[in-house]
N, C-alpha and C. Protein backbone atom coordinates (compact mmCIF):
# COMPACT_ATOMS: atom_id res chain seq x y z
N UNK A 1 0.84 -1.17 0.00
CA UNK A 1 0.00 0.00 0.00
C UNK A 1 0.90 1.25 0.00
N UNK A 2 0.59 2.21 -0.87
CA UNK A 2 1.41 3.43 -0.95
C UNK A 2 0.93 4.47 0.06
N UNK A 3 1.84 5.34 0.40
CA UNK A 3 1.53 6.37 1.39
C UNK A 3 1.33 7.70 0.68
N UNK A 4 0.37 8.49 1.14
CA UNK A 4 0.08 9.77 0.53
C UNK A 4 0.15 10.85 1.61
N UNK A 5 0.76 11.96 1.28
CA UNK A 5 0.83 13.09 2.21
C UNK A 5 -0.08 14.20 1.73
N UNK A 6 -0.84 14.75 2.62
CA UNK A 6 -1.71 15.87 2.31
C UNK A 6 -1.21 17.06 3.11
N UNK A 7 -0.87 18.11 2.39
CA UNK A 7 -0.38 19.32 3.05
C UNK A 7 -1.55 20.27 3.19
N UNK A 8 -1.87 20.61 4.40
CA UNK A 8 -2.99 21.51 4.66
C UNK A 8 -2.44 22.90 4.93
N UNK A 9 -3.17 23.90 4.56
CA UNK A 9 -2.76 25.27 4.83
C UNK A 9 -2.82 26.10 3.57
N UNK A 10 -2.60 27.37 3.72
CA UNK A 10 -2.70 28.25 2.56
C UNK A 10 -1.57 28.03 1.57
N UNK A 11 -1.90 28.18 0.31
CA UNK A 11 -0.88 28.07 -0.73
C UNK A 11 -0.04 29.34 -0.71
N UNK A 12 1.23 29.19 -0.80
CA UNK A 12 2.11 30.37 -0.77
C UNK A 12 2.14 31.04 -2.13
N UNK A 13 2.32 32.32 -2.09
CA UNK A 13 2.45 33.07 -3.34
C UNK A 13 3.80 32.79 -3.98
N UNK A 14 3.80 32.82 -5.30
CA UNK A 14 5.07 32.70 -5.99
C UNK A 14 5.78 34.04 -5.96
N UNK A 15 7.06 34.00 -5.85
CA UNK A 15 7.88 35.22 -5.88
C UNK A 15 8.52 35.31 -7.25
N UNK A 16 8.28 36.42 -7.93
CA UNK A 16 8.81 36.60 -9.28
C UNK A 16 9.97 37.59 -9.23
N UNK A 17 11.10 37.18 -9.77
CA UNK A 17 12.24 38.09 -9.89
C UNK A 17 11.96 39.05 -11.04
N UNK A 18 12.53 40.24 -11.00
CA UNK A 18 12.30 41.21 -12.09
C UNK A 18 12.63 40.65 -13.47
N UNK A 19 13.68 39.82 -13.57
CA UNK A 19 14.03 39.25 -14.88
C UNK A 19 12.93 38.32 -15.38
N UNK A 20 12.32 37.57 -14.46
CA UNK A 20 11.24 36.66 -14.84
C UNK A 20 10.02 37.45 -15.31
N UNK A 21 9.71 38.53 -14.60
CA UNK A 21 8.57 39.36 -14.99
C UNK A 21 8.78 39.93 -16.38
N UNK A 22 9.99 40.44 -16.64
CA UNK A 22 10.28 41.01 -17.96
C UNK A 22 10.20 39.96 -19.06
N UNK A 23 10.63 38.74 -18.74
CA UNK A 23 10.55 37.67 -19.74
C UNK A 23 9.09 37.34 -20.05
N UNK A 24 8.25 37.30 -19.02
CA UNK A 24 6.82 37.03 -19.22
C UNK A 24 6.20 38.16 -20.04
N UNK A 25 6.53 39.42 -19.71
CA UNK A 25 6.00 40.56 -20.46
C UNK A 25 6.43 40.53 -21.92
N UNK A 26 7.69 40.20 -22.16
CA UNK A 26 8.19 40.14 -23.54
C UNK A 26 7.44 39.08 -24.33
N UNK A 27 7.17 37.95 -23.69
CA UNK A 27 6.45 36.87 -24.38
C UNK A 27 4.98 37.23 -24.57
N UNK A 28 4.36 37.81 -23.54
CA UNK A 28 2.93 38.09 -23.60
C UNK A 28 2.59 39.20 -24.58
N UNK A 29 3.50 40.18 -24.74
CA UNK A 29 3.21 41.32 -25.61
C UNK A 29 4.04 41.31 -26.88
N UNK A 30 4.56 40.15 -27.25
CA UNK A 30 5.26 40.01 -28.52
C UNK A 30 4.23 40.09 -29.65
N UNK A 31 4.64 40.52 -30.82
CA UNK A 31 3.69 40.59 -31.94
C UNK A 31 3.05 39.22 -32.19
N UNK A 32 1.73 39.22 -32.26
CA UNK A 32 0.97 38.00 -32.51
C UNK A 32 0.67 37.17 -31.27
N UNK A 33 1.21 37.53 -30.13
CA UNK A 33 0.98 36.77 -28.90
C UNK A 33 -0.38 37.13 -28.32
N UNK A 34 -0.96 36.19 -27.61
CA UNK A 34 -2.23 36.39 -26.93
C UNK A 34 -1.95 36.26 -25.43
N UNK A 35 -2.22 37.34 -24.71
CA UNK A 35 -1.87 37.40 -23.29
C UNK A 35 -2.52 36.26 -22.51
N UNK A 36 -3.78 35.97 -22.77
CA UNK A 36 -4.46 34.91 -22.02
C UNK A 36 -3.84 33.54 -22.28
N UNK A 37 -3.36 33.30 -23.50
CA UNK A 37 -2.69 32.03 -23.78
C UNK A 37 -1.38 31.91 -23.00
N UNK A 38 -0.62 32.99 -22.96
CA UNK A 38 0.64 32.99 -22.22
C UNK A 38 0.36 32.81 -20.73
N UNK A 39 -0.66 33.49 -20.22
CA UNK A 39 -0.96 33.39 -18.78
C UNK A 39 -1.39 31.98 -18.41
N UNK A 40 -2.17 31.34 -19.26
CA UNK A 40 -2.58 29.95 -18.98
C UNK A 40 -1.39 29.00 -18.99
N UNK A 41 -0.54 29.16 -19.98
CA UNK A 41 0.61 28.26 -20.11
C UNK A 41 1.58 28.42 -18.94
N UNK A 42 1.77 29.64 -18.47
CA UNK A 42 2.71 29.89 -17.38
C UNK A 42 2.05 29.87 -16.01
N UNK A 43 0.73 29.66 -16.01
CA UNK A 43 -0.04 29.62 -14.76
C UNK A 43 0.11 30.92 -13.97
N UNK A 44 -0.11 32.04 -14.68
CA UNK A 44 -0.06 33.37 -14.10
C UNK A 44 -1.39 34.05 -14.42
N UNK A 45 -1.96 34.75 -13.48
CA UNK A 45 -3.21 35.46 -13.74
C UNK A 45 -2.99 36.53 -14.80
N UNK A 46 -3.93 36.63 -15.71
CA UNK A 46 -3.84 37.63 -16.77
C UNK A 46 -3.74 39.03 -16.18
N UNK A 47 -4.52 39.28 -15.13
CA UNK A 47 -4.50 40.61 -14.52
C UNK A 47 -3.13 40.94 -13.94
N UNK A 48 -2.41 39.93 -13.48
CA UNK A 48 -1.08 40.15 -12.93
C UNK A 48 -0.11 40.58 -14.03
N UNK A 49 -0.26 39.99 -15.20
CA UNK A 49 0.60 40.37 -16.34
C UNK A 49 0.36 41.83 -16.70
N UNK A 50 -0.92 42.23 -16.75
CA UNK A 50 -1.22 43.63 -17.06
C UNK A 50 -0.72 44.56 -15.94
N UNK A 51 -0.80 44.12 -14.70
CA UNK A 51 -0.28 44.91 -13.58
C UNK A 51 1.23 45.10 -13.73
N UNK A 52 1.94 44.04 -14.08
CA UNK A 52 3.38 44.14 -14.30
C UNK A 52 3.70 45.12 -15.42
N UNK A 53 2.89 45.10 -16.48
CA UNK A 53 3.12 46.02 -17.59
C UNK A 53 2.95 47.47 -17.15
N UNK A 54 1.90 47.73 -16.35
CA UNK A 54 1.71 49.08 -15.83
C UNK A 54 2.89 49.51 -14.96
N UNK A 55 3.38 48.59 -14.15
CA UNK A 55 4.53 48.90 -13.29
C UNK A 55 5.78 49.15 -14.12
N UNK A 56 5.95 48.39 -15.18
CA UNK A 56 7.15 48.51 -16.01
C UNK A 56 7.15 49.79 -16.84
N UNK A 57 5.97 50.19 -17.30
CA UNK A 57 5.90 51.38 -18.15
C UNK A 57 5.61 52.63 -17.37
N UNK A 58 5.25 52.49 -16.11
CA UNK A 58 4.88 53.65 -15.30
C UNK A 58 3.41 53.94 -15.48
N UNK A 59 2.78 54.33 -14.44
CA UNK A 59 1.35 54.60 -14.54
C UNK A 59 1.12 55.88 -15.32
N UNK A 60 0.05 55.89 -16.11
CA UNK A 60 -0.22 57.11 -16.88
C UNK A 60 -0.59 58.24 -15.93
N UNK A 61 -0.18 59.39 -16.23
CA UNK A 61 -0.48 60.54 -15.39
C UNK A 61 -0.16 61.81 -16.15
N UNK A 62 0.08 62.84 -15.42
CA UNK A 62 0.39 64.11 -16.06
C UNK A 62 1.82 64.08 -16.59
N UNK A 63 1.99 64.71 -17.71
CA UNK A 63 3.32 64.84 -18.29
C UNK A 63 3.64 66.33 -18.36
N UNK A 64 4.89 66.69 -18.27
CA UNK A 64 5.21 68.11 -18.29
C UNK A 64 4.94 68.72 -19.67
N UNK A 65 4.43 69.93 -19.64
CA UNK A 65 4.22 70.66 -20.89
C UNK A 65 5.52 71.37 -21.25
N UNK A 66 5.84 71.37 -22.52
CA UNK A 66 7.04 72.05 -22.98
C UNK A 66 6.59 73.37 -23.57
N UNK A 67 7.03 74.44 -22.96
CA UNK A 67 6.63 75.77 -23.42
C UNK A 67 7.64 76.32 -24.42
N UNK A 68 7.11 76.98 -25.42
CA UNK A 68 7.98 77.61 -26.41
C UNK A 68 8.58 78.87 -25.81
N UNK A 69 9.69 79.27 -26.35
CA UNK A 69 10.30 80.54 -25.91
C UNK A 69 9.31 81.67 -26.15
N UNK A 70 9.47 82.74 -25.42
CA UNK A 70 8.51 83.84 -25.48
C UNK A 70 8.34 84.37 -26.90
N UNK A 71 9.42 84.50 -27.65
CA UNK A 71 9.33 84.99 -29.02
C UNK A 71 8.58 84.02 -29.92
N UNK A 72 8.78 82.73 -29.72
CA UNK A 72 8.11 81.72 -30.53
C UNK A 72 6.63 81.65 -30.22
N UNK A 73 6.26 81.85 -28.97
CA UNK A 73 4.87 81.71 -28.55
C UNK A 73 3.99 82.79 -29.16
N UNK A 74 4.56 83.93 -29.47
CA UNK A 74 3.76 85.04 -30.00
C UNK A 74 3.50 84.90 -31.49
N UNK A 75 4.29 84.10 -32.15
CA UNK A 75 4.08 83.90 -33.59
C UNK A 75 2.85 83.05 -33.82
N UNK A 76 2.06 83.40 -34.78
CA UNK A 76 0.89 82.60 -35.12
C UNK A 76 1.36 81.33 -35.81
N UNK A 77 0.70 80.19 -35.53
CA UNK A 77 1.11 78.96 -36.19
C UNK A 77 0.84 79.02 -37.68
N UNK A 78 1.72 78.41 -38.43
CA UNK A 78 1.55 78.36 -39.88
C UNK A 78 0.36 77.49 -40.23
N UNK A 79 -0.25 77.75 -41.34
CA UNK A 79 -1.38 76.95 -41.78
C UNK A 79 -0.95 75.50 -41.96
N UNK A 80 -1.66 74.59 -41.34
CA UNK A 80 -1.37 73.17 -41.48
C UNK A 80 -0.35 72.64 -40.49
N UNK A 81 0.34 73.51 -39.75
CA UNK A 81 1.30 73.00 -38.77
C UNK A 81 0.57 72.68 -37.47
N UNK A 82 1.00 71.63 -36.78
CA UNK A 82 0.30 71.22 -35.55
C UNK A 82 0.50 72.22 -34.42
N UNK A 83 -0.53 72.34 -33.60
CA UNK A 83 -0.46 73.20 -32.43
C UNK A 83 -0.08 72.37 -31.22
N UNK A 84 -0.62 71.14 -31.14
CA UNK A 84 -0.32 70.22 -30.06
C UNK A 84 0.30 68.97 -30.67
N UNK A 85 1.44 68.54 -30.13
CA UNK A 85 2.07 67.30 -30.57
C UNK A 85 2.28 66.43 -29.33
N UNK A 86 1.69 65.24 -29.34
CA UNK A 86 1.83 64.30 -28.24
C UNK A 86 2.74 63.18 -28.72
N UNK A 87 3.88 63.00 -28.05
CA UNK A 87 4.81 61.95 -28.42
C UNK A 87 4.57 60.73 -27.54
N UNK A 88 4.36 59.59 -28.17
CA UNK A 88 4.10 58.34 -27.48
C UNK A 88 5.33 57.46 -27.54
N UNK A 89 5.34 56.40 -26.74
CA UNK A 89 6.45 55.46 -26.76
C UNK A 89 6.59 54.82 -28.13
N UNK A 90 7.77 54.43 -28.48
CA UNK A 90 8.02 53.76 -29.75
C UNK A 90 8.10 54.71 -30.92
N UNK A 91 8.21 56.00 -30.65
CA UNK A 91 8.35 56.97 -31.73
C UNK A 91 7.05 57.41 -32.36
N UNK A 92 5.91 56.93 -31.86
CA UNK A 92 4.62 57.34 -32.41
C UNK A 92 4.31 58.76 -31.98
N UNK A 93 3.59 59.50 -32.81
CA UNK A 93 3.22 60.89 -32.54
C UNK A 93 1.79 61.14 -32.94
N UNK A 94 1.12 61.96 -32.15
CA UNK A 94 -0.22 62.45 -32.51
C UNK A 94 -0.12 63.95 -32.58
N UNK A 95 -0.50 64.51 -33.73
CA UNK A 95 -0.45 65.96 -33.93
C UNK A 95 -1.87 66.48 -34.07
N UNK A 96 -2.15 67.59 -33.38
CA UNK A 96 -3.48 68.19 -33.42
C UNK A 96 -3.32 69.61 -33.95
N UNK A 97 -4.01 69.92 -35.04
CA UNK A 97 -3.91 71.22 -35.67
C UNK A 97 -4.82 72.25 -35.05
N UNK A 98 -4.61 73.51 -35.43
CA UNK A 98 -5.38 74.61 -34.86
C UNK A 98 -6.84 74.59 -35.33
N UNK A 99 -7.13 73.93 -36.43
CA UNK A 99 -8.50 73.90 -36.93
C UNK A 99 -9.32 72.77 -36.32
N UNK A 100 -8.72 71.94 -35.47
CA UNK A 100 -9.45 70.82 -34.85
C UNK A 100 -10.48 71.36 -33.86
N UNK A 101 -11.66 70.75 -33.88
CA UNK A 101 -12.71 71.17 -32.95
C UNK A 101 -12.37 70.71 -31.53
N UNK A 102 -12.97 71.36 -30.56
CA UNK A 102 -12.72 71.00 -29.15
C UNK A 102 -13.16 69.57 -28.87
N UNK A 103 -14.26 69.13 -29.47
CA UNK A 103 -14.73 67.76 -29.23
C UNK A 103 -13.77 66.73 -29.83
N UNK A 104 -13.18 67.04 -30.97
CA UNK A 104 -12.20 66.14 -31.58
C UNK A 104 -10.93 66.06 -30.73
N UNK A 105 -10.46 67.20 -30.24
CA UNK A 105 -9.27 67.21 -29.38
C UNK A 105 -9.53 66.43 -28.10
N UNK A 106 -10.69 66.64 -27.49
CA UNK A 106 -11.06 65.92 -26.27
C UNK A 106 -11.10 64.42 -26.52
N UNK A 107 -11.74 64.00 -27.61
CA UNK A 107 -11.84 62.57 -27.92
C UNK A 107 -10.47 61.96 -28.17
N UNK A 108 -9.60 62.68 -28.88
CA UNK A 108 -8.26 62.17 -29.18
C UNK A 108 -7.44 62.01 -27.91
N UNK A 109 -7.49 63.00 -27.04
CA UNK A 109 -6.71 62.92 -25.81
C UNK A 109 -7.26 61.86 -24.85
N UNK A 110 -8.57 61.67 -24.82
CA UNK A 110 -9.15 60.60 -23.98
C UNK A 110 -8.74 59.23 -24.52
N UNK A 111 -8.65 59.09 -25.82
CA UNK A 111 -8.27 57.81 -26.41
C UNK A 111 -6.82 57.45 -26.10
N UNK A 112 -5.99 58.45 -25.83
CA UNK A 112 -4.59 58.21 -25.53
C UNK A 112 -4.35 57.74 -24.10
N UNK A 113 -5.35 57.86 -23.24
CA UNK A 113 -5.18 57.47 -21.84
C UNK A 113 -4.72 56.08 -21.70
């Protein structure tokens, strides 16, 4: 007859080293990867992966405004040149021109959150 041991008590949390977290993030957010598939395979909660991503990229919040020099600020913008330029990670940019309506600017900035 074989003997079986039953361990009673709470399951301990796994401790993830920063290198392990980064490896999971790289795999989960690689082009064509599906986060839920990676989380199932590695037995990690999907929400934890997204939490790690927020921690790695920094939480969204206010960013400093860059003011033009006094002489530049008084010049009227050229036709077609952007008035607001939002630079995103990875070199992406969103430019908003002076002819954009307030509702369009609001919608664009909310979408960037």
